[in-house]
N, C-alpha and C. Protein backbone atom coordinates (compact mmCIF):
# COMPACT_ATOMS: atom_id res chain seq x y z
N MET A 1 14.32 -2.78 -19.05
CA MET A 1 14.01 -1.43 -18.61
C MET A 1 13.57 -1.49 -17.16
N SER A 2 14.09 -0.60 -16.34
CA SER A 2 13.69 -0.51 -14.94
C SER A 2 13.32 0.93 -14.62
N VAL A 3 12.33 1.08 -13.79
CA VAL A 3 11.93 2.40 -13.32
C VAL A 3 12.09 2.39 -11.82
N GLN A 4 12.94 3.23 -11.29
CA GLN A 4 13.16 3.29 -9.85
C GLN A 4 12.11 4.18 -9.22
N ARG A 5 11.29 3.61 -8.32
CA ARG A 5 10.24 4.37 -7.64
C ARG A 5 10.77 4.95 -6.34
N GLN A 6 11.34 4.11 -5.49
CA GLN A 6 11.98 4.50 -4.25
C GLN A 6 13.11 3.53 -4.04
N ALA A 7 13.87 3.72 -2.99
CA ALA A 7 15.04 2.88 -2.76
C ALA A 7 14.72 1.39 -2.75
N ASP A 8 13.55 0.99 -2.27
CA ASP A 8 13.24 -0.43 -2.18
C ASP A 8 11.98 -0.82 -2.95
N GLU A 9 11.47 0.04 -3.83
CA GLU A 9 10.28 -0.28 -4.58
C GLU A 9 10.52 -0.03 -6.06
N THR A 10 10.69 -1.11 -6.82
CA THR A 10 11.01 -0.98 -8.23
C THR A 10 10.02 -1.74 -9.09
N VAL A 11 9.93 -1.31 -10.33
CA VAL A 11 9.16 -2.01 -11.34
C VAL A 11 10.12 -2.26 -12.50
N SER A 12 10.12 -3.48 -13.01
CA SER A 12 11.07 -3.85 -14.05
C SER A 12 10.37 -4.73 -15.07
N THR A 13 10.89 -4.75 -16.31
CA THR A 13 10.34 -5.63 -17.34
C THR A 13 11.47 -6.44 -17.96
N HIS A 14 12.05 -7.36 -17.19
CA HIS A 14 13.13 -8.22 -17.65
C HIS A 14 12.63 -9.64 -17.85
N ALA A 15 13.54 -10.57 -17.93
CA ALA A 15 13.21 -11.98 -18.13
C ALA A 15 12.43 -12.54 -16.94
N GLN A 16 11.90 -13.76 -17.12
CA GLN A 16 10.99 -14.38 -16.17
C GLN A 16 11.52 -14.45 -14.74
N THR A 17 12.79 -14.66 -14.52
CA THR A 17 13.29 -14.85 -13.16
C THR A 17 13.59 -13.53 -12.46
N ASP A 18 13.44 -12.42 -13.12
CA ASP A 18 13.71 -11.13 -12.50
C ASP A 18 12.52 -10.67 -11.67
N VAL A 19 12.82 -9.90 -10.64
CA VAL A 19 11.76 -9.28 -9.84
C VAL A 19 11.16 -8.15 -10.67
N VAL A 20 9.85 -8.19 -10.87
CA VAL A 20 9.18 -7.17 -11.68
C VAL A 20 8.40 -6.19 -10.83
N LEU A 21 8.21 -6.52 -9.56
CA LEU A 21 7.48 -5.63 -8.67
C LEU A 21 7.93 -5.93 -7.25
N GLU A 22 8.26 -4.89 -6.51
CA GLU A 22 8.65 -5.03 -5.11
C GLU A 22 7.97 -3.93 -4.32
N ARG A 23 7.18 -4.33 -3.33
CA ARG A 23 6.41 -3.36 -2.55
C ARG A 23 6.46 -3.69 -1.07
N ARG A 24 6.47 -2.64 -0.25
CA ARG A 24 6.30 -2.82 1.19
C ARG A 24 4.86 -3.26 1.43
N SER A 25 4.62 -3.84 2.59
CA SER A 25 3.32 -4.48 2.85
C SER A 25 2.14 -3.54 2.67
N TRP A 26 2.26 -2.26 2.99
CA TRP A 26 1.11 -1.37 2.86
C TRP A 26 0.83 -0.99 1.41
N ASN A 27 1.73 -1.32 0.49
CA ASN A 27 1.52 -1.04 -0.94
C ASN A 27 1.26 -2.30 -1.76
N TYR A 28 1.01 -3.42 -1.07
CA TYR A 28 0.80 -4.68 -1.77
C TYR A 28 -0.42 -5.39 -1.19
N GLY A 29 -1.19 -6.04 -2.05
CA GLY A 29 -2.30 -6.88 -1.62
C GLY A 29 -2.42 -8.09 -2.51
N TYR A 30 -2.72 -9.23 -1.92
CA TYR A 30 -2.92 -10.46 -2.67
C TYR A 30 -4.41 -10.65 -2.89
N VAL A 31 -4.83 -10.85 -4.13
CA VAL A 31 -6.24 -11.06 -4.44
C VAL A 31 -6.54 -12.55 -4.44
N GLY A 32 -5.75 -13.35 -5.13
CA GLY A 32 -5.97 -14.79 -5.15
C GLY A 32 -5.40 -15.45 -6.39
N GLU A 33 -5.61 -16.78 -6.44
CA GLU A 33 -5.16 -17.57 -7.58
C GLU A 33 -6.36 -17.90 -8.45
N GLU A 34 -6.25 -17.58 -9.73
CA GLU A 34 -7.30 -17.90 -10.69
C GLU A 34 -7.29 -19.40 -10.97
N SER A 35 -8.39 -19.92 -11.47
CA SER A 35 -8.48 -21.35 -11.78
C SER A 35 -7.48 -21.78 -12.86
N ASN A 36 -7.00 -20.84 -13.65
CA ASN A 36 -6.03 -21.15 -14.70
C ASN A 36 -4.58 -21.10 -14.21
N GLY A 37 -4.38 -20.90 -12.90
CA GLY A 37 -3.03 -20.90 -12.34
C GLY A 37 -2.35 -19.54 -12.31
N ARG A 38 -3.03 -18.51 -12.72
CA ARG A 38 -2.47 -17.16 -12.65
C ARG A 38 -2.78 -16.56 -11.28
N TYR A 39 -1.90 -15.67 -10.83
CA TYR A 39 -2.05 -15.04 -9.52
C TYR A 39 -2.32 -13.55 -9.69
N ASP A 40 -3.29 -13.07 -8.94
CA ASP A 40 -3.70 -11.67 -9.02
C ASP A 40 -3.25 -10.94 -7.76
N HIS A 41 -2.63 -9.80 -7.96
CA HIS A 41 -2.09 -8.99 -6.88
C HIS A 41 -2.57 -7.55 -7.05
N VAL A 42 -2.57 -6.78 -5.97
CA VAL A 42 -2.90 -5.37 -6.05
C VAL A 42 -1.64 -4.57 -5.76
N ASP A 43 -1.29 -3.70 -6.69
CA ASP A 43 -0.21 -2.74 -6.49
C ASP A 43 -0.87 -1.44 -6.06
N CYS A 44 -0.90 -1.20 -4.75
CA CYS A 44 -1.59 -0.02 -4.22
C CYS A 44 -0.90 1.27 -4.62
N LYS A 45 0.39 1.22 -4.83
CA LYS A 45 1.14 2.42 -5.20
C LYS A 45 0.72 2.93 -6.58
N ARG A 46 0.56 2.01 -7.53
CA ARG A 46 0.16 2.39 -8.89
C ARG A 46 -1.34 2.21 -9.13
N GLU A 47 -2.07 1.75 -8.10
CA GLU A 47 -3.51 1.49 -8.19
C GLU A 47 -3.84 0.64 -9.41
N CYS A 48 -3.34 -0.60 -9.37
CA CYS A 48 -3.65 -1.52 -10.45
C CYS A 48 -3.60 -2.96 -9.96
N ILE A 49 -4.29 -3.82 -10.70
CA ILE A 49 -4.20 -5.26 -10.53
C ILE A 49 -3.01 -5.71 -11.37
N VAL A 50 -2.20 -6.60 -10.83
CA VAL A 50 -1.07 -7.17 -11.55
C VAL A 50 -1.28 -8.68 -11.57
N VAL A 51 -1.26 -9.27 -12.77
CA VAL A 51 -1.45 -10.71 -12.91
C VAL A 51 -0.11 -11.32 -13.32
N THR A 52 0.31 -12.35 -12.56
CA THR A 52 1.56 -13.05 -12.85
C THR A 52 1.30 -14.55 -12.81
N ASP A 53 2.34 -15.33 -13.15
CA ASP A 53 2.19 -16.77 -13.04
C ASP A 53 2.87 -17.31 -11.79
N SER A 54 3.13 -16.43 -10.81
CA SER A 54 3.73 -16.88 -9.55
C SER A 54 3.21 -16.06 -8.38
N ARG A 55 3.30 -16.65 -7.21
CA ARG A 55 2.93 -15.96 -5.97
C ARG A 55 4.04 -14.99 -5.61
N ALA A 56 3.73 -14.06 -4.74
CA ALA A 56 4.74 -13.11 -4.27
C ALA A 56 5.61 -13.77 -3.20
N ASP A 57 6.88 -13.42 -3.19
CA ASP A 57 7.78 -13.81 -2.12
C ASP A 57 7.71 -12.75 -1.04
N ARG A 58 7.68 -13.17 0.22
CA ARG A 58 7.60 -12.24 1.35
C ARG A 58 8.93 -12.24 2.08
N ASP A 59 9.49 -11.06 2.27
CA ASP A 59 10.75 -10.90 2.99
C ASP A 59 10.46 -10.19 4.31
N ASP A 60 10.63 -10.90 5.41
CA ASP A 60 10.39 -10.36 6.74
C ASP A 60 11.67 -9.93 7.45
N SER A 61 12.77 -9.76 6.73
CA SER A 61 14.04 -9.46 7.37
C SER A 61 14.12 -8.02 7.90
N GLY A 62 13.31 -7.13 7.38
CA GLY A 62 13.32 -5.74 7.83
C GLY A 62 12.20 -5.47 8.81
N ALA A 63 12.06 -4.22 9.17
CA ALA A 63 11.00 -3.82 10.10
C ALA A 63 9.62 -3.95 9.47
N VAL A 64 9.56 -3.81 8.15
CA VAL A 64 8.29 -3.91 7.42
C VAL A 64 8.44 -5.00 6.37
N PRO A 65 7.48 -5.93 6.29
CA PRO A 65 7.56 -6.96 5.25
C PRO A 65 7.57 -6.36 3.85
N VAL A 66 8.33 -6.99 2.96
CA VAL A 66 8.41 -6.57 1.57
C VAL A 66 8.00 -7.74 0.70
N PHE A 67 7.11 -7.48 -0.27
CA PHE A 67 6.63 -8.50 -1.19
C PHE A 67 7.26 -8.27 -2.55
N SER A 68 7.77 -9.36 -3.15
CA SER A 68 8.41 -9.30 -4.46
C SER A 68 7.72 -10.26 -5.42
N LEU A 69 7.49 -9.79 -6.64
CA LEU A 69 6.90 -10.62 -7.69
C LEU A 69 7.95 -10.87 -8.77
N GLU A 70 8.03 -12.13 -9.19
CA GLU A 70 8.89 -12.46 -10.32
C GLU A 70 8.06 -12.43 -11.59
N GLY A 71 8.69 -12.07 -12.68
CA GLY A 71 7.99 -11.89 -13.93
C GLY A 71 7.74 -13.16 -14.69
N PRO A 72 7.10 -13.03 -15.80
CA PRO A 72 6.67 -11.78 -16.40
C PRO A 72 5.33 -11.33 -15.83
N ILE A 73 5.04 -10.06 -16.02
CA ILE A 73 3.70 -9.55 -15.72
C ILE A 73 2.84 -9.91 -16.92
N LEU A 74 1.77 -10.67 -16.67
CA LEU A 74 0.91 -11.14 -17.75
C LEU A 74 -0.17 -10.14 -18.12
N HIS A 75 -0.59 -9.34 -17.14
CA HIS A 75 -1.66 -8.37 -17.38
C HIS A 75 -1.67 -7.36 -16.25
N THR A 76 -2.02 -6.12 -16.56
CA THR A 76 -2.29 -5.12 -15.53
C THR A 76 -3.64 -4.48 -15.85
N GLU A 77 -4.32 -4.08 -14.81
CA GLU A 77 -5.65 -3.47 -14.94
C GLU A 77 -5.73 -2.32 -13.94
N ALA A 78 -5.94 -1.11 -14.43
CA ALA A 78 -6.05 0.04 -13.54
C ALA A 78 -7.31 -0.07 -12.69
N ILE A 79 -7.17 0.25 -11.42
CA ILE A 79 -8.31 0.27 -10.50
C ILE A 79 -8.20 1.51 -9.63
N GLU A 80 -9.32 1.90 -9.06
CA GLU A 80 -9.32 3.01 -8.11
C GLU A 80 -9.56 2.42 -6.74
N LEU A 81 -8.66 2.72 -5.80
CA LEU A 81 -8.78 2.19 -4.45
C LEU A 81 -9.45 3.19 -3.53
N GLY A 82 -9.94 2.69 -2.42
CA GLY A 82 -10.57 3.54 -1.42
C GLY A 82 -9.54 4.42 -0.72
N PRO A 83 -9.99 5.31 0.16
CA PRO A 83 -9.11 6.28 0.80
C PRO A 83 -8.02 5.66 1.68
N MET A 84 -8.25 4.49 2.25
CA MET A 84 -7.25 3.85 3.10
C MET A 84 -6.56 2.70 2.37
N GLY A 85 -6.67 2.65 1.04
CA GLY A 85 -6.02 1.61 0.26
C GLY A 85 -6.85 0.35 0.11
N GLU A 86 -8.00 0.29 0.81
CA GLU A 86 -8.83 -0.90 0.66
C GLU A 86 -9.45 -0.90 -0.73
N GLY A 87 -9.81 -2.09 -1.16
CA GLY A 87 -10.37 -2.24 -2.50
C GLY A 87 -11.67 -1.50 -2.65
N GLY A 88 -11.81 -0.82 -3.74
CA GLY A 88 -13.05 -0.13 -4.04
C GLY A 88 -13.91 -0.95 -4.97
N GLU A 89 -14.82 -0.30 -5.61
CA GLU A 89 -15.75 -0.96 -6.53
C GLU A 89 -15.01 -1.60 -7.70
N ASP A 90 -13.92 -0.98 -8.17
CA ASP A 90 -13.16 -1.55 -9.28
C ASP A 90 -12.60 -2.93 -8.94
N LEU A 91 -12.10 -3.08 -7.71
CA LEU A 91 -11.55 -4.37 -7.29
C LEU A 91 -12.67 -5.41 -7.20
N ARG A 92 -13.82 -5.03 -6.68
CA ARG A 92 -14.96 -5.95 -6.64
C ARG A 92 -15.38 -6.38 -8.05
N ARG A 93 -15.35 -5.44 -9.00
CA ARG A 93 -15.68 -5.79 -10.38
C ARG A 93 -14.66 -6.76 -10.97
N TRP A 94 -13.38 -6.57 -10.64
CA TRP A 94 -12.34 -7.46 -11.13
C TRP A 94 -12.56 -8.88 -10.60
N ILE A 95 -12.86 -9.00 -9.31
CA ILE A 95 -13.11 -10.30 -8.71
C ILE A 95 -14.31 -10.97 -9.38
N GLN A 96 -15.34 -10.21 -9.64
CA GLN A 96 -16.53 -10.73 -10.31
C GLN A 96 -16.21 -11.13 -11.76
N PHE A 97 -15.37 -10.34 -12.43
CA PHE A 97 -14.96 -10.65 -13.81
C PHE A 97 -14.25 -12.01 -13.85
N ILE A 98 -13.35 -12.25 -12.92
CA ILE A 98 -12.65 -13.54 -12.89
C ILE A 98 -13.65 -14.67 -12.63
N ASP A 99 -14.58 -14.44 -11.69
CA ASP A 99 -15.61 -15.44 -11.40
C ASP A 99 -16.43 -15.78 -12.63
N GLN A 100 -16.84 -14.80 -13.39
CA GLN A 100 -17.79 -15.01 -14.47
C GLN A 100 -17.17 -15.25 -15.85
N GLU A 101 -16.03 -14.63 -16.12
CA GLU A 101 -15.50 -14.65 -17.48
C GLU A 101 -14.22 -15.46 -17.65
N ARG A 102 -13.50 -15.73 -16.56
CA ARG A 102 -12.21 -16.39 -16.72
C ARG A 102 -12.12 -17.70 -15.93
N GLY A 103 -13.23 -18.30 -15.63
CA GLY A 103 -13.20 -19.62 -15.02
C GLY A 103 -13.20 -19.66 -13.51
N GLY A 104 -13.23 -18.52 -12.87
CA GLY A 104 -13.31 -18.50 -11.41
C GLY A 104 -11.97 -18.53 -10.71
N TRP A 105 -12.04 -18.80 -9.43
CA TRP A 105 -10.87 -18.75 -8.55
C TRP A 105 -10.52 -20.15 -8.04
N ALA A 106 -9.23 -20.47 -8.03
CA ALA A 106 -8.76 -21.69 -7.38
C ALA A 106 -8.60 -21.41 -5.89
N ASP A 107 -8.20 -20.18 -5.55
CA ASP A 107 -7.99 -19.78 -4.16
C ASP A 107 -8.12 -18.27 -4.08
N ARG A 108 -9.05 -17.80 -3.29
CA ARG A 108 -9.18 -16.37 -3.09
C ARG A 108 -9.36 -16.10 -1.61
N PRO A 109 -8.44 -15.35 -1.01
CA PRO A 109 -8.56 -15.05 0.41
C PRO A 109 -9.81 -14.25 0.69
N VAL A 110 -10.38 -14.47 1.85
CA VAL A 110 -11.57 -13.73 2.27
C VAL A 110 -11.11 -12.60 3.17
N SER A 111 -11.55 -11.39 2.85
CA SER A 111 -11.14 -10.23 3.62
C SER A 111 -11.83 -10.21 4.98
N ALA A 112 -11.29 -9.43 5.88
CA ALA A 112 -11.89 -9.27 7.20
C ALA A 112 -13.31 -8.71 7.08
N ALA A 113 -13.52 -7.82 6.13
CA ALA A 113 -14.85 -7.25 5.92
C ALA A 113 -15.84 -8.32 5.46
N ASP A 114 -15.38 -9.22 4.56
CA ASP A 114 -16.24 -10.31 4.11
C ASP A 114 -16.59 -11.24 5.27
N LYS A 115 -15.61 -11.54 6.12
CA LYS A 115 -15.86 -12.41 7.27
C LYS A 115 -16.87 -11.77 8.21
N ALA A 116 -16.70 -10.48 8.47
CA ALA A 116 -17.62 -9.77 9.36
C ALA A 116 -19.03 -9.78 8.77
N GLN A 117 -19.14 -9.57 7.46
CA GLN A 117 -20.45 -9.59 6.81
C GLN A 117 -21.10 -10.97 6.93
N ASP A 118 -20.30 -12.03 6.77
CA ASP A 118 -20.82 -13.39 6.91
C ASP A 118 -21.36 -13.63 8.32
N VAL A 119 -20.63 -13.15 9.33
CA VAL A 119 -21.06 -13.32 10.72
C VAL A 119 -22.38 -12.58 10.95
N LEU A 120 -22.47 -11.35 10.44
CA LEU A 120 -23.70 -10.58 10.60
C LEU A 120 -24.88 -11.26 9.93
N GLU A 121 -24.67 -11.80 8.73
CA GLU A 121 -25.75 -12.48 8.02
C GLU A 121 -26.20 -13.73 8.75
N GLU A 122 -25.25 -14.45 9.37
CA GLU A 122 -25.61 -15.64 10.14
C GLU A 122 -26.44 -15.27 11.37
N GLU A 123 -26.09 -14.17 12.02
CA GLU A 123 -26.78 -13.75 13.23
C GLU A 123 -28.18 -13.20 12.93
N LEU A 124 -28.33 -12.58 11.79
CA LEU A 124 -29.62 -11.99 11.42
C LEU A 124 -30.45 -13.03 10.76
């Protein structure tokens, strides 16, 4: 089954090697790799966390980068994002849930806001 969202943004539920999510850069965010080898992504268009067993592929051939995820989708979790697409409280709760309930993170990128907060804390 495939649901066509726009010409270049689709969601599909096929076999493992099929692309299950394709988003332009402003509709995609990478959260990190869980300690169990699962990868967490943010689908800004549908406002949800998407968990897969692979990283997203990035295609820079067009004017705007496009991120594609291969299936299967292991889990989705609805979240509410902030007005500019940045993670809201729901995303922070998800990150904390992985930290506390699912063994933590093997790799989690630090946002620019987190880096700025760290610098401020060091200076104060």
